[in-house]
Protein backbone atom coordinates (compact mmCIF):
# COMPACT_ATOMS: atom_id res chain seq x y z
CA MET A 1 0.00 -0.03 -0.04
CA GLY A 2 1.20 3.47 -0.70
CA ILE A 3 0.42 7.07 0.32
CA LEU A 4 3.92 8.66 -0.78
CA GLY A 5 2.27 9.86 -3.97
CA PRO A 6 -1.31 8.77 -5.29
CA VAL A 7 -3.11 6.30 -2.96
CA GLU A 8 -2.70 2.87 -4.29
CA ILE A 9 -2.57 -1.03 -3.66
CA LEU A 10 0.13 -2.77 -5.38
CA ARG A 11 -0.22 -6.82 -5.77
CA PRO A 12 2.74 -8.87 -4.98
CA ASN A 13 3.37 -9.23 -8.75
CA GLY A 14 3.60 -5.32 -9.06
CA VAL A 15 0.20 -4.84 -10.77
CA LYS A 16 -1.67 -1.69 -9.42
CA VAL A 17 -5.10 -2.41 -8.16
CA GLY A 18 -7.68 0.13 -9.78
CA LEU A 19 -9.67 1.90 -6.89
CA GLN A 20 -12.36 4.66 -7.26
CA LEU A 21 -11.64 7.99 -5.50
CA GLN A 22 -13.82 7.46 -2.38
CA CYS A 23 -12.41 4.06 -1.92
CA ARG A 24 -8.98 5.51 -1.89
CA LYS A 25 -10.05 7.95 0.73
CA VAL A 26 -11.14 5.04 2.90
CA LEU A 27 -7.84 3.38 2.55
CA ALA A 28 -5.80 6.42 3.15
CA LEU A 29 -7.94 7.12 6.42
CA LEU A 30 -7.00 3.57 7.48
CA VAL A 31 -3.44 3.99 6.65
CA VAL A 32 -3.06 7.26 8.38
CA ALA A 33 -4.68 5.86 11.58
CA ALA A 34 -1.66 3.51 11.71
CA GLY A 35 -3.31 0.63 13.48
CA ARG A 36 -5.88 2.55 15.50
CA PRO A 37 -9.71 1.45 14.65
CA VAL A 38 -11.59 3.72 12.63
CA SER A 39 -15.41 3.44 12.99
CA THR A 40 -17.83 3.64 9.91
CA GLY A 41 -19.23 6.82 11.38
CA GLN A 42 -15.67 8.42 11.59
CA LEU A 43 -14.97 7.38 7.90
CA VAL A 44 -18.45 8.98 6.79
CA ARG A 45 -17.56 12.26 8.73
CA SER A 46 -14.15 12.47 7.31
CA ILE A 47 -15.11 11.82 3.56
CA TRP A 48 -18.33 13.61 3.34
CA GLY A 49 -18.66 16.04 6.28
CA ASP A 50 -22.00 17.57 6.58
CA SER A 51 -23.01 16.78 3.13
CA ARG A 52 -23.00 13.11 3.34
CA PRO A 53 -25.54 11.06 1.71
CA SER A 54 -27.95 8.90 3.68
CA HIS A 55 -26.53 5.66 2.32
CA ALA A 56 -22.82 6.70 3.18
CA PRO A 57 -22.34 4.03 5.87
CA GLN A 58 -23.37 1.47 3.02
CA MET A 59 -20.87 3.11 0.63
CA VAL A 60 -18.14 2.71 3.23
CA ARG A 61 -18.83 -1.05 3.93
CA SER A 62 -18.69 -1.48 0.13
CA HIS A 63 -15.53 0.29 -0.08
CA ILE A 64 -14.17 -2.03 2.50
CA ARG A 65 -15.05 -5.17 0.67
CA VAL A 66 -13.56 -3.77 -2.30
CA LEU A 67 -10.33 -3.18 -0.35
CA ARG A 68 -10.57 -6.67 1.17
CA GLY A 69 -11.02 -8.05 -2.25
CA ALA A 70 -7.85 -6.24 -3.46
CA LEU A 71 -5.88 -7.58 -0.53
CA ARG A 72 -7.01 -10.97 -1.01
CA HIS A 73 -5.39 -13.50 1.08
CA GLU A 74 -3.88 -10.81 3.43
CA THR A 75 -7.40 -9.52 4.38
CA GLU A 76 -7.44 -11.01 7.87
CA ARG A 77 -4.00 -9.97 8.68
CA THR A 78 -4.06 -6.35 7.15
CA LEU A 79 -7.43 -5.26 7.46
CA PRO A 80 -9.33 -6.86 10.55
CA THR A 81 -12.47 -5.62 12.07
CA SER A 82 -13.35 -5.02 15.83
CA ALA A 83 -16.42 -3.57 17.58
CA ALA A 84 -14.53 -0.18 17.50
CA GLY A 85 -14.05 -0.30 13.72
CA TYR A 86 -11.76 -1.02 10.86
CA ARG A 87 -7.96 -0.87 11.15
CA ILE A 88 -4.87 -1.53 9.31
CA ALA A 89 -2.36 -3.61 11.24
CA PRO A 90 0.92 -1.74 10.74
CA ASP A 91 3.11 -4.73 11.77
CA ARG A 92 1.50 -7.17 9.24
CA CYS A 93 1.38 -5.18 6.03
CA ALA A 94 3.88 -3.20 3.76
CA VAL A 95 2.92 0.58 3.73
CA ASP A 96 5.46 2.91 2.07
CA ALA A 97 4.94 5.71 4.51
CA TYR A 98 5.62 3.27 7.50
CA ARG A 99 8.83 2.07 6.03
CA PHE A 100 9.69 5.83 5.19
CA ARG A 101 9.54 6.76 8.93
CA GLU A 102 11.44 3.80 9.94
CA LEU A 103 14.18 4.58 7.47
CA LEU A 104 14.42 8.30 8.60
CA ASP A 105 14.55 7.49 12.14
CA GLU A 106 17.38 5.04 11.29
CA ALA A 107 19.27 7.64 9.29
CA ARG A 108 19.10 10.10 12.05
CA ARG A 109 20.30 7.44 14.58
CA ARG A 110 23.38 6.63 12.34
CA TRP A 111 24.42 10.29 11.60
CA PRO A 112 26.93 11.67 12.49
CA ARG A 113 28.46 8.42 13.85
CA ASP A 114 28.05 6.82 10.42
CA PRO A 115 27.55 9.41 7.98
CA ALA A 116 28.00 7.19 4.93
CA GLY A 117 25.47 4.71 6.38
CA ALA A 118 23.18 7.67 7.39
CA ALA A 119 23.31 8.96 3.61
CA ARG A 120 22.39 5.41 2.10
CA THR A 121 19.51 5.04 4.45
CA ALA A 122 18.17 8.48 3.92
CA HIS A 123 18.49 7.89 0.22
CA ALA A 124 16.61 4.55 0.65
CA ALA A 125 13.81 6.54 2.40
CA LEU A 126 13.46 9.09 -0.14
CA ASP A 127 13.46 6.49 -2.99
CA LEU A 128 9.97 5.42 -1.57
CA TRP A 129 8.14 8.58 -2.80
CA ARG A 130 6.71 8.33 -6.02
CA GLY A 131 5.97 12.05 -6.65
CA ALA A 132 6.30 15.57 -5.37
CA ASP A 133 3.54 15.19 -2.76
CA ALA A 134 1.79 12.71 -0.53
CA MET A 135 -1.88 11.60 -1.35
CA PRO A 136 -2.49 14.53 -3.82
CA ASP A 137 -5.44 12.65 -5.08
CA VAL A 138 -7.39 12.67 -1.72
CA VAL A 139 -6.08 15.84 0.03
CA GLU A 140 -9.65 17.48 0.00
CA VAL A 141 -10.16 15.46 3.17
CA HIS A 142 -9.04 17.73 5.86
CA SER A 143 -7.26 15.06 8.10
CA LEU A 144 -5.61 13.70 5.00
CA ARG A 145 -4.37 17.15 4.06
CA ALA A 146 -2.80 17.71 7.49
CA GLU A 147 -1.03 14.28 7.23
CA ALA A 148 0.08 14.92 3.81
CA ALA A 149 1.72 18.28 5.01
CA TYR A 150 3.40 16.22 7.91
CA LEU A 151 4.78 13.67 5.64
CA GLU A 152 6.13 16.21 3.32
CA GLU A 153 7.92 18.00 6.08
CA LEU A 154 9.53 14.76 7.07
CA ARG A 155 10.64 14.53 3.38
CA PHE A 156 12.42 17.87 3.82
CA GLN A 157 14.12 16.50 6.84
CA ALA A 158 15.24 13.36 5.14
CA GLU A 159 16.66 15.42 2.18
CA GLU A 160 18.38 17.55 4.73
CA THR A 161 19.80 14.41 6.46
CA LEU A 162 21.07 13.01 3.09
CA VAL A 163 22.75 16.20 2.21
CA LEU A 164 24.53 16.67 5.54
CA ALA A 165 25.48 13.05 5.87
CA SER A 166 26.85 13.15 2.21
CA LEU A 167 28.84 16.13 3.22
CA GLU A 168 30.23 14.61 6.35
CA SER A 169 31.31 11.54 4.65
CA GLY A 170 33.04 13.52 1.83
CA GLN A 171 30.60 12.98 -0.90
CA THR A 172 30.72 16.57 -1.71
CA GLU A 173 30.15 16.29 -5.57
CA PHE A 174 27.09 14.32 -4.83
CA ALA A 175 25.64 16.72 -2.37
CA LEU A 176 26.20 19.85 -4.14
CA PRO A 177 23.64 19.33 -6.99
CA ARG A 178 21.11 18.13 -4.43
CA ALA A 179 21.58 20.92 -2.29
CA ARG A 180 21.19 23.43 -5.25
CA ARG A 181 18.00 21.87 -6.36
CA LEU A 182 16.61 21.99 -2.96
CA ALA A 183 17.42 25.68 -2.33
CA GLU A 184 15.79 26.38 -5.64
CA LEU A 185 12.81 24.44 -4.97
CA HIS A 186 12.21 25.62 -1.54
CA PRO A 187 13.78 29.11 -1.24
CA ASN A 188 12.16 30.11 2.10
CA ARG A 189 13.86 27.15 4.09
CA GLU A 190 16.96 28.62 5.55
CA ARG A 191 18.87 25.29 6.10
CA PHE A 192 18.70 24.59 2.35
CA TRP A 193 20.64 27.54 1.66
CA LEU A 194 23.22 26.93 4.41
CA GLN A 195 23.59 23.34 2.96
CA LEU A 196 24.33 24.93 -0.49
CA MET A 197 26.64 27.41 0.80
CA VAL A 198 28.80 24.71 2.76
CA ALA A 199 28.71 22.23 -0.18
CA GLU A 200 29.96 25.09 -2.44
CA ALA A 201 32.72 25.81 -0.09
CA LEU A 202 33.79 22.30 0.44
CA SER A 203 33.91 21.82 -3.35
CA GLY A 204 36.34 24.90 -3.59
CA ARG A 205 33.67 27.48 -4.77
CA LEU A 206 34.07 29.77 -1.76
CA VAL A 207 33.58 32.91 -3.60
CA GLU A 208 30.32 31.61 -5.17
CA ALA A 209 29.24 30.52 -1.66
CA THR A 210 29.91 33.78 -0.02
CA SER A 211 28.80 36.13 -2.64
CA ILE A 212 26.38 34.88 -5.28
CA THR A 213 24.48 32.23 -3.17
CA PHE A 214 24.60 34.32 -0.15
CA ARG A 215 23.01 37.32 -1.90
CA GLN A 216 20.26 34.99 -3.40
CA ALA A 217 19.66 33.40 -0.26
CA ARG A 218 19.51 36.89 1.55
CA HIS A 219 17.01 38.07 -1.05
CA HIS A 220 14.71 35.08 -0.39
CA LEU A 221 15.01 34.87 3.34
CA VAL A 222 15.31 38.45 4.33
CA LYS A 223 13.95 40.81 1.78
CA GLU A 224 10.80 38.67 0.75
CA THR A 225 10.13 37.29 4.29
CA GLY A 226 11.08 40.21 6.33
CA LEU A 227 12.96 38.08 8.71
CA HIS A 228 16.85 38.51 9.78
CA ALA A 229 18.00 34.98 9.08
CA PRO A 230 21.05 35.13 11.53
CA GLY A 231 22.19 31.62 10.47
CA LEU A 232 22.90 32.75 7.03
CA GLU A 233 25.02 35.81 8.06
CA ARG A 234 26.87 33.70 10.69
CA LEU A 235 27.75 31.05 8.18
CA GLN A 236 29.07 33.68 5.55
CA ARG A 237 31.33 35.20 8.35
CA GLU A 238 32.61 31.69 9.20
CA LEU A 239 33.12 30.80 5.66
CA LEU A 240 35.18 34.09 5.01
CA ARG A 241 37.09 33.59 8.13
CA GLY A 242 38.25 30.16 7.11
CA GLY A 243 39.74 27.39 9.43
CA ARG A 244 36.52 25.75 10.26
CA SER A 245 36.28 21.92 9.91
CA THR A 246 33.42 20.19 7.88
CA GLU A 247 31.86 19.04 11.20
CA GLN A 248 32.03 22.72 12.63
CA LEU A 249 30.20 24.07 9.59
CA LEU A 250 27.58 21.35 9.59
CA ASN A 251 26.84 22.13 13.30
CA LEU A 252 26.24 25.74 12.08
CA ILE A 253 23.53 24.34 9.85
CA THR A 254 21.90 22.22 12.42
CA GLN A 255 21.71 24.95 14.91
CA SER A 256 19.60 27.10 12.43
CA PRO A 257 15.68 26.84 12.04
CA ARG A 258 14.36 24.39 9.30
CA SER A 259 12.09 26.97 7.84
CA VAL A 260 11.55 30.74 8.30
CA ALA A 261 8.25 31.06 6.32
């Protein structure tokens, strides 16, 4: 099952199961509940709100039957029912979002003790994503929109971990284009600019880091948002001063906020 992209079920042979939109909403709500039972009434309220049709409970039960048919022999293990409602058993099914969080936690534990291992693990976590957004097909459901935003924030953190761990392990030429792309895509996130400046400096592009990139970052972080962005100015001073180790430069990044807007 996948929610790191459009909501989907894949059979063991890799074939994607076709599901109607409302059925995908039911699946996503169960996955997001992460093992907690969700009643028919909760599903109805989440999907239809105040405009729910009179036969909405029957529609939910129909969608559950479809999901169980899609899961086939895994039904009793992955989609059990109790008096409290339906639930996905997290320890008995493969869900990309669950695995993503596990890998991200592992990458955080490994860095900075094992930066190369942390980079590999963060890369594996990011490879689970099938698009730029989580659940773009069902985010009209308020609770799913909030969960999608949370997952996308975790994705930013995984990207950050990958770049930091790559720089720490000496993979500067791998980290540099990734850091540049992240800064371009998310110009209001200070840490991405700091990572780019450090990556450029470690690649022998000190002038570019402390002048061109610094001015671009200051334009987005200070002029457009009206904030001070002290981490940006502090890093520029340290790069111009020289003598700082890679570890010390990376510590300056992790001491700065992840986002300013």
